[in-house]
C-alpha atoms as a PDB file:
ATOM      1  CA  MET A   1      -0.136   0.061   0.119  1.00  0.00           C
ATOM      2  CA  ALA A   2       1.134   3.550  -0.608  1.00  0.00           C
ATOM      3  CA  PRO A   3       2.513   5.520   2.515  1.00  0.00           C
ATOM      4  CA  PHE A   4      -0.031   8.178   3.699  1.00  0.00           C
ATOM      5  CA  SER A   5       2.548  10.736   3.146  1.00  0.00           C
ATOM      6  CA  LEU A   6       2.524  10.084  -0.541  1.00  0.00           C
ATOM      7  CA  MET A   7      -1.007  10.163  -0.495  1.00  0.00           C
ATOM      8  CA  SER A   8      -1.040  13.242   1.068  1.00  0.00           C
ATOM      9  CA  VAL A   9       1.212  14.959  -1.408  1.00  0.00           C
ATOM     10  CA  GLY A  10      -0.970  13.404  -4.299  1.00  0.00           C
ATOM     11  CA  ALA A  11      -3.952  14.840  -2.696  1.00  0.00           C
ATOM     12  CA  ASN A  12      -2.788  18.467  -3.160  1.00  0.00           C
ATOM     13  CA  LEU A  13      -1.909  17.714  -6.795  1.00  0.00           C
ATOM     14  CA  LEU A  14      -5.158  16.185  -7.498  1.00  0.00           C
ATOM     15  CA  VAL A  15      -6.930  19.165  -6.108  1.00  0.00           C
ATOM     16  CA  LYS A  16      -5.848  21.535  -8.813  1.00  0.00           C
ATOM     17  CA  SER A  17      -7.339  18.889 -11.452  1.00  0.00           C
ATOM     18  CA  LEU A  18     -10.687  18.174  -9.923  1.00  0.00           C
ATOM     19  CA  SER A  19     -12.223  20.546 -11.905  1.00  0.00           C
ATOM     20  CA  LEU A  20     -11.426  18.620 -15.196  1.00  0.00           C
ATOM     21  CA  PHE A  21     -12.619  15.621 -13.793  1.00  0.00           C
ATOM     22  CA  SER A  22     -16.047  14.297 -15.860  1.00  0.00           C
ATOM     23  CA  SER A  23     -19.153  14.571 -13.645  1.00  0.00           C
ATOM     24  CA  ALA A  24     -20.331  10.990 -14.996  1.00  0.00           C
ATOM     25  CA  SER A  25     -21.644   8.862 -12.102  1.00  0.00           C
ATOM     26  CA  ALA A  26     -18.765   6.951 -10.362  1.00  0.00           C
ATOM     27  CA  VAL A  27     -18.372   3.239 -11.121  1.00  0.00           C
ATOM     28  CA  ARG A  28     -18.241   0.977  -8.457  1.00  0.00           C
ATOM     29  CA  CYS A  29     -14.904  -0.782  -7.156  1.00  0.00           C
ATOM     30  CA  SER A  30     -16.113  -4.023  -7.818  1.00  0.00           C
ATOM     31  CA  CYS A  31     -16.855  -3.309 -11.614  1.00  0.00           C
ATOM     32  CA  VAL A  32     -14.780  -0.910 -12.876  1.00  0.00           C
ATOM     33  CA  ALA A  33     -13.904  -1.509 -16.714  1.00  0.00           C
ATOM     34  CA  PRO A  34     -10.462  -0.615 -18.266  1.00  0.00           C
ATOM     35  CA  VAL A  35     -10.438   2.885 -19.202  1.00  0.00           C
ATOM     36  CA  ILE A  36      -9.080   3.058 -23.006  1.00  0.00           C
ATOM     37  CA  ARG A  37      -8.144   6.473 -23.716  1.00  0.00           C
ATOM     38  CA  SER A  38      -8.229   8.118 -27.064  1.00  0.00           C
ATOM     39  CA  PHE A  39      -4.853   9.514 -27.581  1.00  0.00           C
ATOM     40  CA  SER A  40      -5.175  12.255 -30.235  1.00  0.00           C
ATOM     41  CA  THR A  41      -2.002  13.371 -32.216  1.00  0.00           C
ATOM     42  CA  THR A  42      -3.836  15.871 -34.706  1.00  0.00           C
ATOM     43  CA  THR A  43      -3.823  18.684 -32.303  1.00  0.00           C
ATOM     44  CA  GLY A  44       0.163  19.323 -32.379  1.00  0.00           C
ATOM     45  CA  GLY A  45       0.562  18.232 -29.018  1.00  0.00           C
ATOM     46  CA  PRO A  46       1.806  15.087 -27.348  1.00  0.00           C
ATOM     47  CA  PRO A  47      -0.361  12.913 -25.943  1.00  0.00           C
ATOM     48  CA  LYS A  48      -1.243  12.925 -22.351  1.00  0.00           C
ATOM     49  CA  ARG A  49       0.271  10.791 -19.674  1.00  0.00           C
ATOM     50  CA  PRO A  50      -2.158   7.969 -18.159  1.00  0.00           C
ATOM     51  CA  LEU A  51      -3.317   8.354 -14.670  1.00  0.00           C
ATOM     52  CA  THR A  52      -1.893   5.965 -12.120  1.00  0.00           C
ATOM     53  CA  GLY A  53      -4.370   3.183 -10.475  1.00  0.00           C
ATOM     54  CA  TYR A  54      -4.703   5.616  -7.463  1.00  0.00           C
ATOM     55  CA  MET A  55      -5.421   8.462  -9.457  1.00  0.00           C
ATOM     56  CA  THR A  56      -7.943   6.611 -11.658  1.00  0.00           C
ATOM     57  CA  TYR A  57      -9.778   5.761  -8.491  1.00  0.00           C
ATOM     58  CA  VAL A  58      -9.948   9.393  -7.058  1.00  0.00           C
ATOM     59  CA  LYS A  59     -11.152  10.237 -10.439  1.00  0.00           C
ATOM     60  CA  GLU A  60     -13.828   7.696 -10.360  1.00  0.00           C
ATOM     61  CA  MET A  61     -15.052   8.194  -6.899  1.00  0.00           C
ATOM     62  CA  GLN A  62     -14.592  11.999  -6.548  1.00  0.00           C
ATOM     63  CA  PRO A  63     -18.071  13.084  -8.308  1.00  0.00           C
ATOM     64  CA  SER A  64     -20.212  10.531  -5.935  1.00  0.00           C
ATOM     65  CA  PHE A  65     -18.296  11.373  -3.117  1.00  0.00           C
ATOM     66  CA  SER A  66     -18.785  14.958  -3.508  1.00  0.00           C
ATOM     67  CA  ARG A  67     -22.507  14.709  -4.100  1.00  0.00           C
ATOM     68  CA  GLN A  68     -22.689  12.699  -0.790  1.00  0.00           C
ATOM     69  CA  ASN A  69     -20.541  15.101   1.210  1.00  0.00           C
ATOM     70  CA  PRO A  70     -21.398  18.704  -0.323  1.00  0.00           C
ATOM     71  CA  GLY A  71     -19.953  20.853   2.857  1.00  0.00           C
ATOM     72  CA  LEU A  72     -16.460  19.276   2.295  1.00  0.00           C
ATOM     73  CA  LYS A  73     -13.819  21.259   0.029  1.00  0.00           C
ATOM     74  CA  ASN A  74     -11.968  19.693  -3.042  1.00  0.00           C
ATOM     75  CA  VAL A  75      -8.780  19.181  -0.825  1.00  0.00           C
ATOM     76  CA  ASP A  76     -10.400  17.380   1.822  1.00  0.00           C
ATOM     77  CA  ILE A  77     -12.500  15.010  -0.538  1.00  0.00           C
ATOM     78  CA  VAL A  78      -9.323  14.161  -1.953  1.00  0.00           C
ATOM     79  CA  ARG A  79      -7.598  13.549   1.607  1.00  0.00           C
ATOM     80  CA  LYS A  80     -10.696  11.150   2.702  1.00  0.00           C
ATOM     81  CA  LEU A  81     -10.465   9.294  -0.634  1.00  0.00           C
ATOM     82  CA  ALA A  82      -6.546   8.649  -0.113  1.00  0.00           C
ATOM     83  CA  GLU A  83      -7.564   7.311   3.375  1.00  0.00           C
ATOM     84  CA  LYS A  84     -10.239   4.890   1.568  1.00  0.00           C
ATOM     85  CA  TRP A  85      -7.656   3.748  -0.860  1.00  0.00           C
ATOM     86  CA  ARG A  86      -5.494   2.859   1.522  1.00  0.00           C
ATOM     87  CA  MET A  87      -8.074   0.795   3.309  1.00  0.00           C
ATOM     88  CA  LEU A  88      -8.827  -1.227  -0.002  1.00  0.00           C
ATOM     89  CA  THR A  89      -7.493  -4.746  -0.381  1.00  0.00           C
ATOM     90  CA  PRO A  90      -5.193  -5.780  -3.159  1.00  0.00           C
ATOM     91  CA  GLU A  91      -8.153  -7.235  -4.857  1.00  0.00           C
ATOM     92  CA  GLN A  92     -10.459  -4.251  -4.472  1.00  0.00           C
ATOM     93  CA  LYS A  93      -7.583  -2.102  -6.163  1.00  0.00           C
ATOM     94  CA  GLN A  94      -6.930  -4.433  -9.009  1.00  0.00           C
ATOM     95  CA  PRO A  95      -9.510  -2.972 -11.407  1.00  0.00           C
ATOM     96  CA  PHE A  96      -8.038   0.536 -11.153  1.00  0.00           C
ATOM     97  CA  GLN A  97      -4.540  -1.017 -11.655  1.00  0.00           C
ATOM     98  CA  ASP A  98      -5.535  -2.850 -14.555  1.00  0.00           C
ATOM     99  CA  SER A  99      -7.421   0.397 -16.035  1.00  0.00           C
ATOM    100  CA  SER A 100      -3.966   2.246 -15.445  1.00  0.00           C
ATOM    101  CA  LEU A 101      -1.940  -0.514 -17.257  1.00  0.00           C
ATOM    102  CA  GLU A 102      -4.282  -0.480 -20.346  1.00  0.00           C
ATOM    103  CA  SER A 103      -3.846   3.491 -20.422  1.00  0.00           C
ATOM    104  CA  ARG A 104      -0.109   3.100 -20.294  1.00  0.00           C
ATOM    105  CA  LYS A 105      -0.250   0.609 -23.419  1.00  0.00           C
ATOM    106  CA  GLN A 106      -2.540   3.146 -25.050  1.00  0.00           C
ATOM    107  CA  TYR A 107      -0.282   6.160 -24.257  1.00  0.00           C
ATOM    108  CA  LYS A 108       2.681   4.238 -25.591  1.00  0.00           C
ATOM    109  CA  LEU A 109       1.128   3.495 -28.741  1.00  0.00           C
ATOM    110  CA  ALA A 110      -0.271   7.073 -29.263  1.00  0.00           C
ATOM    111  CA  LEU A 111       3.267   8.498 -28.339  1.00  0.00           C
ATOM    112  CA  GLU A 112       4.967   6.487 -30.786  1.00  0.00           C
ATOM    113  CA  THR A 113       2.647   7.579 -33.655  1.00  0.00           C
ATOM    114  CA  TYR A 114       3.187  11.019 -32.361  1.00  0.00           C
ATOM    115  CA  LYS A 115       6.894  11.085 -32.574  1.00  0.00           C
ATOM    116  CA  ALA A 116       6.815   9.263 -36.077  1.00  0.00           C
ATOM    117  CA  GLN A 117       4.756  12.599 -37.314  1.00  0.00           C
ATOM    118  CA  LEU A 118       7.543  14.828 -36.173  1.00  0.00           C
ATOM    119  CA  THR A 119      10.138  16.259 -38.384  1.00  0.00           C
ATOM    120  CA  PRO A 120      14.197  16.580 -36.910  1.00  0.00           C
ATOM    121  CA  ALA A 121      13.741  20.174 -36.419  1.00  0.00           C
ATOM    122  CA  GLN A 122      10.303  19.597 -34.106  1.00  0.00           C
ATOM    123  CA  THR A 123      12.402  16.710 -32.229  1.00  0.00           C
ATOM    124  CA  VAL A 124      15.068  18.834 -31.520  1.00  0.00           C
ATOM    125  CA  ALA A 125      12.922  21.836 -30.204  1.00  0.00           C
ATOM    126  CA  ILE A 126      10.796  19.431 -28.154  1.00  0.00           C
ATOM    127  CA  ALA A 127      13.966  18.030 -26.587  1.00  0.00           C
ATOM    128  CA  GLU A 128      15.202  21.394 -25.836  1.00  0.00           C
ATOM    129  CA  GLU A 129      11.802  22.329 -24.398  1.00  0.00           C
ATOM    130  CA  LYS A 130      12.078  19.485 -22.048  1.00  0.00           C
ATOM    131  CA  ARG A 131      15.710  20.252 -21.274  1.00  0.00           C
ATOM    132  CA  GLN A 132      14.508  23.643 -20.034  1.00  0.00           C
ATOM    133  CA  ARG A 133      11.554  22.429 -18.057  1.00  0.00           C
ATOM    134  CA  VAL A 134      13.638  19.976 -16.185  1.00  0.00           C
ATOM    135  CA  ALA A 135      16.361  22.931 -15.465  1.00  0.00           C
ATOM    136  CA  LYS A 136      13.516  25.367 -14.258  1.00  0.00           C
ATOM    137  CA  ARG A 137      12.440  22.824 -11.958  1.00  0.00           C
ATOM    138  CA  LYS A 138      16.125  22.108 -10.609  1.00  0.00           C
ATOM    139  CA  ALA A 139      16.574  25.630 -10.228  1.00  0.00           C
ATOM    140  CA  ILE A 140      13.240  26.054  -8.077  1.00  0.00           C
ATOM    141  CA  ARG A 141      14.427  23.279  -5.874  1.00  0.00           C
ATOM    142  CA  ARG A 142      17.874  24.627  -5.474  1.00  0.00           C
ATOM    143  CA  LYS A 143      16.268  28.216  -4.619  1.00  0.00           C
ATOM    144  CA  LYS A 144      13.990  26.370  -2.055  1.00  0.00           C
ATOM    145  CA  GLU A 145      16.965  24.534  -0.586  1.00  0.00           C
ATOM    146  CA  LEU A 146      19.061  27.595  -0.296  1.00  0.00           C
ATOM    147  CA  ASN A 147      16.277  29.776   1.251  1.00  0.00           C
ATOM    148  CA  SER A 148      15.574  26.720   4.071  1.00  0.00           C
ATOM    149  CA  LEU A 149      19.280  26.950   4.832  1.00  0.00           C
ATOM    150  CA  GLY A 150      19.322  31.011   5.303  1.00  0.00           C
ATOM    151  CA  LYS A 151      21.406  31.955   2.259  1.00  0.00           C
ATOM    152  CA  PRO A 152      21.662  35.758   2.658  1.00  0.00           C
ATOM    153  CA  LYS A 153      19.923  37.784  -0.132  1.00  0.00           C
ATOM    154  CA  ARG A 154      21.690  39.428  -2.769  1.00  0.00           C
ATOM    155  CA  PRO A 155      22.562  43.133  -2.489  1.00  0.00           C
ATOM    156  CA  ARG A 156      20.270  45.369  -4.023  1.00  0.00           C
ATOM    157  CA  SER A 157      20.934  47.872  -7.026  1.00  0.00           C
ATOM    158  CA  ALA A 158      20.588  51.852  -6.440  1.00  0.00           C
ATOM    159  CA  PHE A 159      17.475  51.329  -8.761  1.00  0.00           C
ATOM    160  CA  ASN A 160      15.935  48.653  -6.994  1.00  0.00           C
ATOM    161  CA  ILE A 161      16.227  50.473  -3.400  1.00  0.00           C
ATOM    162  CA  PHE A 162      14.483  53.588  -5.203  1.00  0.00           C
ATOM    163  CA  MET A 163      11.946  51.399  -6.715  1.00  0.00           C
ATOM    164  CA  ALA A 164      10.995  49.525  -3.269  1.00  0.00           C
ATOM    165  CA  GLU A 165      10.726  52.817  -1.865  1.00  0.00           C
ATOM    166  CA  HIS A 166       8.209  54.524  -4.414  1.00  0.00           C
ATOM    167  CA  PHE A 167       6.642  51.889  -5.974  1.00  0.00           C
ATOM    168  CA  GLU A 168       3.212  52.401  -4.173  1.00  0.00           C
ATOM    169  CA  GLU A 169       3.171  56.048  -5.144  1.00  0.00           C
ATOM    170  CA  ALA A 170       4.190  55.344  -8.747  1.00  0.00           C
ATOM    171  CA  LYS A 171       2.001  56.562 -11.580  1.00  0.00           C
ATOM    172  CA  GLY A 172       0.384  53.639 -13.433  1.00  0.00           C
ATOM    173  CA  THR A 173      -2.550  50.966 -12.594  1.00  0.00           C
ATOM    174  CA  THR A 174      -0.384  47.869 -13.418  1.00  0.00           C
ATOM    175  CA  VAL A 175       3.021  46.662 -12.588  1.00  0.00           C
ATOM    176  CA  GLN A 176       4.386  47.423 -16.188  1.00  0.00           C
ATOM    177  CA  ALA A 177       3.205  50.844 -15.894  1.00  0.00           C
ATOM    178  CA  LYS A 178       4.367  51.237 -12.487  1.00  0.00           C
ATOM    179  CA  MET A 179       7.906  50.154 -13.131  1.00  0.00           C
ATOM    180  CA  LYS A 180       8.224  52.111 -16.725  1.00  0.00           C
ATOM    181  CA  SER A 181       7.204  55.314 -14.300  1.00  0.00           C
ATOM    182  CA  LEU A 182       9.895  54.644 -11.955  1.00  0.00           C
ATOM    183  CA  ARG A 183      12.580  54.084 -14.591  1.00  0.00           C
ATOM    184  CA  ASP A 184      11.708  57.400 -16.455  1.00  0.00           C
ATOM    185  CA  ASN A 185      11.846  58.984 -12.930  1.00  0.00           C
ATOM    186  CA  TRP A 186      15.376  57.390 -12.236  1.00  0.00           C
ATOM    187  CA  MET A 187      16.491  58.484 -15.685  1.00  0.00           C
ATOM    188  CA  ARG A 188      15.834  62.369 -15.255  1.00  0.00           C
ATOM    189  CA  PHE A 189      17.562  61.906 -11.830  1.00  0.00           C
ATOM    190  CA  ASN A 190      20.963  63.765 -11.611  1.00  0.00           C
ATOM    191  CA  ILE A 191      24.099  62.080  -9.552  1.00  0.00           C
ATOM    192  CA  THR A 192      23.167  64.304  -6.701  1.00  0.00           C
ATOM    193  CA  GLN A 193      19.558  62.803  -6.454  1.00  0.00           C
ATOM    194  CA  LYS A 194      20.869  59.355  -6.757  1.00  0.00           C
ATOM    195  CA  GLN A 195      23.875  59.475  -4.384  1.00  0.00           C
ATOM    196  CA  MET A 196      21.376  58.470  -1.338  1.00  0.00           C
ATOM    197  CA  TYR A 197      20.392  55.399  -3.230  1.00  0.00           C
ATOM    198  CA  THR A 198      23.992  54.544  -4.310  1.00  0.00           C
ATOM    199  CA  GLN A 199      25.248  54.654  -1.004  1.00  0.00           C
ATOM    200  CA  LEU A 200      22.614  52.592   0.481  1.00  0.00           C
ATOM    201  CA  ALA A 201      23.335  49.883  -2.324  1.00  0.00           C
ATOM    202  CA  GLU A 202      27.077  49.958  -1.457  1.00  0.00           C
ATOM    203  CA  ASP A 203      26.332  49.337   2.485  1.00  0.00           C
ATOM    204  CA  ASP A 204      23.984  46.632   1.156  1.00  0.00           C
ATOM    205  CA  LYS A 205      27.083  45.079  -0.637  1.00  0.00           C
ATOM    206  CA  VAL A 206      29.064  45.199   2.298  1.00  0.00           C
ATOM    207  CA  ARG A 207      26.276  43.684   4.259  1.00  0.00           C
ATOM    208  CA  TYR A 208      26.049  40.769   1.877  1.00  0.00           C
ATOM    209  CA  LYS A 209      29.680  40.203   1.647  1.00  0.00           C
ATOM    210  CA  ASN A 210      29.997  39.646   5.421  1.00  0.00           C
ATOM    211  CA  GLU A 211      26.825  37.416   5.401  1.00  0.00           C
ATOM    212  CA  ILE A 212      27.843  35.482   2.592  1.00  0.00           C
ATOM    213  CA  LYS A 213      31.135  34.760   4.016  1.00  0.00           C
ATOM    214  CA  SER A 214      30.079  33.478   7.503  1.00  0.00           C
ATOM    215  CA  TRP A 215      27.436  31.405   5.585  1.00  0.00           C
ATOM    216  CA  GLU A 216      29.755  29.565   3.215  1.00  0.00           C
ATOM    217  CA  GLU A 217      32.196  28.911   6.397  1.00  0.00           C
ATOM    218  CA  HIS A 218      29.119  27.486   7.958  1.00  0.00           C
ATOM    219  CA  MET A 219      28.185  25.237   4.731  1.00  0.00           C
ATOM    220  CA  ILE A 220      31.489  23.805   4.730  1.00  0.00           C
ATOM    221  CA  GLU A 221      31.388  23.287   8.430  1.00  0.00           C
ATOM    222  CA  ILE A 222      28.085  21.142   7.987  1.00  0.00           C
ATOM    223  CA  GLY A 223      29.743  19.473   4.572  1.00  0.00           C
ATOM    224  CA  ARG A 224      27.631  21.173   2.027  1.00  0.00           C
ATOM    225  CA  GLU A 225      30.793  22.366  -0.073  1.00  0.00           C
ATOM    226  CA  ASP A 226      28.538  22.060  -3.116  1.00  0.00           C
ATOM    227  CA  LEU A 227      26.766  25.397  -2.083  1.00  0.00           C
ATOM    228  CA  VAL A 228      29.906  27.298  -1.711  1.00  0.00           C
ATOM    229  CA  ARG A 229      31.061  29.236  -4.795  1.00  0.00           C
ATOM    230  CA  ARG A 230      34.432  27.331  -5.953  1.00  0.00           C
ATOM    231  CA  LYS A 231      36.865  30.813  -5.502  1.00  0.00           C
ATOM    232  CA  GLU A 232      35.765  31.297  -1.999  1.00  0.00           C
ATOM    233  CA  ARG A 233      35.640  27.285  -1.366  1.00  0.00           C
ATOM    234  CA  ARG A 234      39.511  27.499  -2.092  1.00  0.00           C
ATOM    235  CA  SER A 235      39.821  30.511   0.167  1.00  0.00           C
ATOM    236  CA  ILE A 236      38.112  29.072   2.950  1.00  0.00           C
ATOM    237  CA  LYS A 237      39.946  25.762   2.760  1.00  0.00           C
ATOM    238  CA  ALA A 238      43.164  27.444   2.792  1.00  0.00           C
ATOM    239  CA  LYS A 239      42.397  29.888   5.836  1.00  0.00           C
ATOM    240  CA  ALA A 240      41.164  26.713   7.808  1.00  0.00           C
ATOM    241  CA  LYS A 241      44.389  24.686   6.729  1.00  0.00           C
ATOM    242  CA  ALA A 242      46.639  27.941   7.925  1.00  0.00           C
ATOM    243  CA  ILE A 243      44.795  27.755  11.325  1.00  0.00           C
ATOM    244  CA  ALA A 244      45.361  24.396  11.840  1.00  0.00           C
ATOM    245  CA  ASP A 245      48.920  24.375  10.846  1.00  0.00           C
ATOM    246  CA  ARG A 246      49.437  27.209  13.289  1.00  0.00           C
ATOM    247  CA  LYS A 247      47.778  25.013  15.847  1.00  0.00           C
ATOM    248  CA  ASN A 248      49.624  22.387  15.297  1.00  0.00           C
ATOM    249  CA  LYS A 249      53.127  24.367  15.349  1.00  0.00           C
ATOM    250  CA  SER A 250      52.127  25.841  18.705  1.00  0.00           C
ATOM    251  CA  LYS A 251      51.621  22.022  19.978  1.00  0.00           C
ATOM    252  CA  VAL A 252      55.193  21.107  18.706  1.00  0.00           C
ATOM    253  CA  THR A 253      56.836  24.126  20.536  1.00  0.00           C
ATOM    254  CA  VAL A 254      54.960  23.471  23.707  1.00  0.00           C
ATOM    255  CA  VAL A 255      56.217  19.872  23.569  1.00  0.00           C
ATOM    256  CA  LYS A 256      59.721  21.029  22.934  1.00  0.00           C
ATOM    257  CA  ALA A 257      59.996  23.394  25.487  1.00  0.00           C
ATOM    258  CA  LYS A 258      58.698  20.964  28.006  1.00  0.00           C
ATOM    259  CA  ALA A 259      61.533  18.512  27.204  1.00  0.00           C
ATOM    260  CA  PRO A 260      64.314  20.205  28.842  1.00  0.00           C
ATOM    261  CA  LYS A 261      62.370  20.252  32.212  1.00  0.00           C
ATOM    262  CA  LYS A 262      62.193  16.893  31.866  1.00  0.00           C
ATOM    263  CA  LYS A 263      65.885  16.460  31.421  1.00  0.00           C
ATOM    264  CA  ALA A 264      66.569  18.626  34.137  1.00  0.00           C
ATOM    265  CA  GLU A 265      64.460  16.586  36.630  1.00  0.00           C
ATOM    266  CA  VAL A 266      66.168  13.054  35.618  1.00  0.00           C
ATOM    267  CA  ALA A 267      69.410  14.537  36.243  1.00  0.00           C
ATOM    268  CA  LYS A 268      68.538  15.880  39.615  1.00  0.00           C
ATOM    269  CA  THR A 269      66.998  12.495  40.514  1.00  0.00           C
ATOM    270  CA  ALA A 270      70.279  10.891  39.300  1.00  0.00           C
ATOM    271  CA  VAL A 271      72.452  13.197  41.641  1.00  0.00           C
ATOM    272  CA  LYS A 272      70.035  12.475  44.731  1.00  0.00           C
ATOM    273  CA  LYS A 273      70.680   8.714  44.033  1.00  0.00           C
ATOM    274  CA  THR A 274      74.238   9.181  43.755  1.00  0.00           C
ATOM    275  CA  VAL A 275      74.585  11.400  47.061  1.00  0.00           C
ATOM    276  CA  LYS A 276      72.496   8.523  48.669  1.00  0.00           C
ATOM    277  CA  SER A 277      74.587   5.722  47.685  1.00  0.00           C
ATOM    278  CA  ILE A 278      77.745   7.651  48.985  1.00  0.00           C
ATOM    279  CA  LYS A 279      76.353   8.015  52.248  1.00  0.00           C
END
């Protein structure tokens, strides 16, 4: 059975697409017929991916469950259905799994037909579009990770500081209009009028430099060197090595300083023993 945490994630994702679900009556779990998808390749786009067994179950059961519980929100309905899915036996889930499997077979055939219709240029364009989507998702995940680790915000420019201070009072009803108005005002400013914002921008650079240095040192301490800039990584490592070398040298010096004292003590002990033996 799928973990409940995965079901919760699926619930949040499915809520966005519930409005697209068919309003047809629900098919009972014991008599669900395999859903044969008709993937069209004449619209110019690729065929849609088939639903999983769990998502097929939610799609089939959501309309009737909504009618039975009119006061529930979509997100709560999906969560309830996720709980019900977890309680189903493998035999009860099997019709939905079979439906999903049949949909996947139809999807593979439709995808092959779609790819066969593409020109080499279209194939390259689709591959590039996919690469960009993957890169965008990675960038979003990386940004979330950096924010969770407390990475300092980059310094603002003088114009950005000016824009943030005067955005509300700027002319225009849309964001684009306001930004254009602020940009025009900024271009009309002389050096003296811009000086205050320029100084604030310089102060922000100093703030960022100090904060990012401390943050990167902490990242190296916790083993996240991959988040540190390469140049700074070498610099921090060299600094740490220099500190370690100084500590080692100081230890060696202390040991050498203590050594003569031990020799003197040994010599005194030997003299005492000699005196005793003479007596």
